[in-house]
């Protein structure tokens, strides 16, 4: 009887030893296959650190408006021109968003990229915008920079040539007249002369119909191009 009790006790101890060895091996294997939380956090931080940000400083030469912001062509002193994409979402909301005008000196922080030979910057922070001392043409450009494509606008110049490029020697697509409705897409200063990028909607504002045959504009499509140069574009909106 005593012998049986000794055998059972010995057998039970062996089972406990085997269980302890198995548990130790299992924990060791699990540690190798699953890095601890500190290691995972360090990896995440390292990945986030791969996003490069730079600061550019320069003068705004051109502005084109988009759905929730604008793209400013910023001429820097040493690195050439950047297309700075400024949106309400990317700068963290309306409280951090600010409109700049042609001729302003700006400082933007963001993520750089290239598209072909063109340099781009997705702006994450507007560090500074200093208003330029403007001439008459620049003053008008600053005014027109506030116009969005959704505004109701019309030409008040008696007649304007629509150019394919903001240059007097570029192709003339046609002539457009006072009262024609248009959308303002952007502005540009070339040799201190204002050019405005527009699309004519081929409709006439009430009160101007008499100068058009049957009150209709004699054109087709949605003519898009540049007006201005030697003559300052006159655009009214409401």
Protein backbone atom coordinates (compact mmCIF):
# COMPACT_ATOMS: atom_id res chain seq x y z
CA UNK A 1 0.00 0.00 0.00
CA UNK A 2 2.80 2.40 0.94
CA UNK A 3 4.65 1.56 -2.31
CA UNK A 4 1.60 2.47 -4.43
CA UNK A 5 1.29 5.87 -2.73
CA UNK A 6 4.98 6.63 -3.42
CA UNK A 7 4.62 5.70 -7.14
CA UNK A 8 1.53 7.89 -7.55
CA UNK A 9 3.22 10.86 -5.89
CA UNK A 10 6.29 10.50 -8.10
CA UNK A 11 4.12 10.25 -11.23
CA UNK A 12 2.16 13.35 -10.25
CA UNK A 13 5.37 15.37 -9.76
CA UNK A 14 6.58 14.34 -13.22
CA UNK A 15 3.32 15.54 -14.77
CA UNK A 16 3.68 18.92 -13.06
CA UNK A 17 7.28 19.25 -14.30
CA UNK A 18 6.26 18.45 -17.89
CA UNK A 19 3.44 20.99 -17.71
CA UNK A 20 5.81 23.69 -16.43
CA UNK A 21 8.32 23.00 -19.26
CA UNK A 22 5.53 23.16 -21.87
CA UNK A 23 4.21 26.45 -20.48
CA UNK A 24 7.68 28.04 -20.52
CA UNK A 25 8.24 26.99 -24.15
CA UNK A 26 4.82 28.32 -25.18
CA UNK A 27 5.43 31.76 -23.62
CA UNK A 28 8.86 32.00 -25.19
CA UNK A 29 7.50 31.14 -28.63
CA UNK A 30 4.67 33.66 -28.29
CA UNK A 31 7.12 36.44 -27.38
CA UNK A 32 9.20 35.72 -30.48
CA UNK A 33 6.16 35.85 -32.77
CA UNK A 34 4.45 38.91 -31.20
CA UNK A 35 6.57 42.01 -30.59
CA UNK A 36 5.73 43.94 -27.47
CA UNK A 37 3.67 47.13 -27.56
CA UNK A 38 6.72 49.38 -27.17
CA UNK A 39 8.35 47.95 -30.29
CA UNK A 40 5.10 48.38 -32.28
CA UNK A 41 4.76 52.00 -31.17
CA UNK A 42 8.33 52.74 -32.22
CA UNK A 43 7.68 51.27 -35.67
CA UNK A 44 4.56 53.42 -36.15
CA UNK A 45 6.40 56.57 -35.12
CA UNK A 46 9.21 55.73 -37.53
CA UNK A 47 6.74 55.26 -40.39
CA UNK A 48 5.06 58.59 -39.67
CA UNK A 49 8.45 60.27 -39.63
CA UNK A 50 8.99 59.34 -43.28
CA UNK A 51 6.64 62.18 -44.40
CA UNK A 52 8.95 65.06 -45.28
CA UNK A 53 7.78 68.64 -44.75
CA UNK A 54 9.48 71.79 -45.98
CA UNK A 55 8.88 75.54 -45.73
CA UNK A 56 8.77 77.73 -48.83
CA UNK A 57 8.93 81.52 -48.92
CA UNK A 58 8.08 83.55 -51.98
CA UNK A 59 5.77 85.82 -53.94
CA UNK A 60 2.37 84.78 -55.29
CA UNK A 61 2.32 85.10 -59.08
CA UNK A 62 -0.97 83.40 -59.92
CA UNK A 63 -4.06 82.01 -58.16
CA UNK A 64 -6.56 79.42 -59.37
CA UNK A 65 -9.56 78.60 -57.19
CA UNK A 66 -10.84 75.10 -56.46
CA UNK A 67 -13.75 73.54 -54.60
CA UNK A 68 -12.48 74.15 -51.05
CA UNK A 69 -9.39 76.29 -51.54
CA UNK A 70 -6.95 77.48 -54.18
CA UNK A 71 -3.63 76.79 -55.89
CA UNK A 72 -1.07 79.60 -55.65
CA UNK A 73 1.95 79.75 -57.94
CA UNK A 74 4.68 80.84 -55.51
CA UNK A 75 7.97 82.13 -56.92
CA UNK A 76 10.79 81.41 -54.45
CA UNK A 77 14.21 83.06 -54.58
CA UNK A 78 16.34 79.94 -55.08
CA UNK A 79 14.08 76.96 -55.80
CA UNK A 80 11.92 78.30 -58.60
CA UNK A 81 8.12 78.16 -58.66
CA UNK A 82 5.96 75.90 -56.50
CA UNK A 83 2.31 75.17 -57.09
CA UNK A 84 1.07 75.48 -53.49
CA UNK A 85 -2.21 73.61 -52.95
CA UNK A 86 -4.07 75.29 -50.09
CA UNK A 87 -7.30 73.64 -48.91
CA UNK A 88 -9.45 74.12 -45.83
CA UNK A 89 -9.20 70.41 -44.99
CA UNK A 90 -5.41 70.11 -45.26
CA UNK A 91 -4.68 73.16 -43.05
CA UNK A 92 -6.94 71.84 -40.28
CA UNK A 93 -10.20 73.71 -40.83
CA UNK A 94 -11.59 77.20 -41.52
CA UNK A 95 -9.87 78.74 -38.47
CA UNK A 96 -6.44 78.01 -40.02
CA UNK A 97 -7.38 78.90 -43.61
CA UNK A 98 -6.50 82.25 -45.16
CA UNK A 99 -6.80 83.63 -48.68
CA UNK A 100 -3.76 85.22 -50.30
CA UNK A 101 -3.65 87.57 -53.29
CA UNK A 102 -1.38 88.02 -56.27
CA UNK A 103 1.76 89.88 -55.21
CA UNK A 104 1.57 88.80 -51.57
CA UNK A 105 4.65 87.41 -49.85
CA UNK A 106 3.82 84.06 -48.31
CA UNK A 107 5.38 81.39 -46.12
CA UNK A 108 3.87 77.91 -46.41
CA UNK A 109 4.77 74.64 -44.69
CA UNK A 110 3.81 71.38 -46.32
CA UNK A 111 4.63 68.14 -48.12
CA UNK A 112 6.54 68.55 -51.40
CA UNK A 113 6.06 66.49 -54.55
CA UNK A 114 6.71 66.73 -58.27
CA UNK A 115 4.47 66.34 -61.31
CA UNK A 116 6.75 66.01 -64.30
CA UNK A 117 9.10 68.99 -64.01
CA UNK A 118 6.66 71.00 -61.88
CA UNK A 119 7.17 71.38 -58.13
CA UNK A 120 4.13 71.09 -55.88
CA UNK A 121 3.49 71.63 -52.19
CA UNK A 122 0.49 70.27 -50.28
CA UNK A 123 0.19 73.04 -47.69
CA UNK A 124 -0.30 71.83 -44.11
CA UNK A 125 0.25 75.17 -42.36
CA UNK A 126 -0.01 78.80 -43.46
CA UNK A 127 2.87 80.40 -41.59
CA UNK A 128 2.54 83.94 -42.91
CA UNK A 129 0.86 86.07 -45.58
CA UNK A 130 2.11 89.63 -46.03
CA UNK A 131 0.02 91.84 -48.29
CA UNK A 132 1.90 93.42 -51.17
CA UNK A 133 2.03 97.10 -51.94
CA UNK A 134 -0.19 97.10 -54.98
CA UNK A 135 -0.47 99.15 -58.14
CA UNK A 136 -3.86 99.83 -59.70
CA UNK A 137 -3.74 96.62 -61.74
CA UNK A 138 -2.65 94.61 -58.72
CA UNK A 139 -5.43 96.18 -56.69
CA UNK A 140 -7.97 94.99 -59.26
CA UNK A 141 -6.31 91.56 -59.30
CA UNK A 142 -6.66 91.34 -55.52
CA UNK A 143 -10.34 92.22 -55.85
CA UNK A 144 -10.92 89.63 -58.55
CA UNK A 145 -9.04 87.02 -56.50
CA UNK A 146 -11.99 87.05 -54.10
CA UNK A 147 -14.40 86.00 -56.87
CA UNK A 148 -15.26 82.28 -57.03
CA UNK A 149 -16.50 80.39 -60.11
CA UNK A 150 -19.95 80.14 -58.49
CA UNK A 151 -20.42 83.93 -58.30
CA UNK A 152 -22.82 85.63 -60.74
CA UNK A 153 -20.57 87.90 -62.84
CA UNK A 154 -20.63 89.69 -66.17
CA UNK A 155 -18.29 91.71 -68.39
CA UNK A 156 -18.73 95.49 -68.43
CA UNK A 157 -15.99 96.32 -70.99
CA UNK A 158 -17.59 97.22 -74.32
CA UNK A 159 -15.57 94.52 -76.08
CA UNK A 160 -12.72 92.19 -75.07
CA UNK A 161 -10.57 89.73 -77.02
CA UNK A 162 -10.43 86.23 -75.53
CA UNK A 163 -6.85 84.91 -75.80
CA UNK A 164 -5.73 81.29 -75.45
CA UNK A 165 -2.80 82.40 -73.23
CA UNK A 166 -2.16 85.45 -71.03
CA UNK A 167 -0.15 87.12 -73.82
CA UNK A 168 -1.16 89.67 -76.44
CA UNK A 169 0.59 87.63 -79.15
CA UNK A 170 -1.38 84.45 -78.36
CA UNK A 171 -4.29 83.22 -80.49
CA UNK A 172 -7.55 85.17 -80.20
CA UNK A 173 -10.51 82.81 -79.79
CA UNK A 174 -13.07 85.54 -80.38
CA UNK A 175 -14.56 88.81 -79.15
CA UNK A 176 -16.92 89.14 -76.19
CA UNK A 177 -19.12 92.06 -75.25
CA UNK A 178 -20.59 93.96 -72.32
CA UNK A 179 -23.30 92.05 -70.49
CA UNK A 180 -22.01 88.56 -71.25
CA UNK A 181 -22.10 86.30 -68.18
CA UNK A 182 -18.81 84.68 -67.23
CA UNK A 183 -17.06 82.65 -64.53
CA UNK A 184 -13.76 83.90 -63.06
CA UNK A 185 -11.28 81.00 -62.80
CA UNK A 186 -8.16 82.87 -61.73
CA UNK A 187 -5.90 85.87 -62.31
CA UNK A 188 -2.32 86.47 -63.38
CA UNK A 189 0.03 89.45 -63.58
CA UNK A 190 2.32 89.51 -66.64
CA UNK A 191 4.67 92.49 -67.04
CA UNK A 192 2.53 94.39 -64.51
CA UNK A 193 -0.57 93.84 -66.66
CA UNK A 194 -3.61 92.00 -65.35
CA UNK A 195 -5.00 88.93 -67.10
CA UNK A 196 -8.14 87.17 -65.94
CA UNK A 197 -8.89 83.53 -66.76
CA UNK A 198 -12.59 83.25 -67.60
CA UNK A 199 -15.23 81.00 -69.09
CA UNK A 200 -18.11 82.69 -70.90
CA UNK A 201 -21.47 81.00 -70.31
CA UNK A 202 -22.93 82.51 -73.52
CA UNK A 203 -25.82 84.08 -71.68
CA UNK A 204 -26.69 87.76 -71.40
CA UNK A 205 -27.51 89.74 -68.27
CA UNK A 206 -30.91 91.43 -68.26
CA UNK A 207 -30.64 94.94 -69.69
CA UNK A 208 -27.91 94.12 -72.21
CA UNK A 209 -29.96 92.05 -74.66
CA UNK A 210 -30.39 94.87 -77.19
CA UNK A 211 -26.79 94.68 -78.45
CA UNK A 212 -27.11 91.02 -79.43
CA UNK A 213 -29.06 89.48 -82.28
CA UNK A 214 -32.35 88.19 -80.82
CA UNK A 215 -30.81 88.70 -77.38
CA UNK A 216 -28.48 85.74 -77.94
CA UNK A 217 -24.66 85.56 -77.97
CA UNK A 218 -23.43 84.43 -81.38
CA UNK A 219 -20.96 81.80 -80.17
CA UNK A 220 -20.98 78.12 -79.30
CA UNK A 221 -19.56 75.90 -76.56
CA UNK A 222 -18.14 77.36 -73.36
CA UNK A 223 -15.27 79.63 -74.53
CA UNK A 224 -12.45 79.64 -71.99
CA UNK A 225 -9.31 81.76 -72.06
CA UNK A 226 -7.73 85.01 -70.88
CA UNK A 227 -8.93 88.61 -71.11
CA UNK A 228 -6.86 91.68 -70.26
CA UNK A 229 -3.33 92.77 -70.97
CA UNK A 230 -3.25 96.31 -72.38
CA UNK A 231 -6.85 96.91 -71.24
CA UNK A 232 -7.90 96.14 -67.68
CA UNK A 233 -10.83 93.71 -67.59
CA UNK A 234 -13.94 95.21 -66.04
CA UNK A 235 -16.07 92.57 -64.30
CA UNK A 236 -19.08 93.17 -62.11
CA UNK A 237 -20.59 90.60 -59.75
CA UNK A 238 -23.50 90.34 -57.36
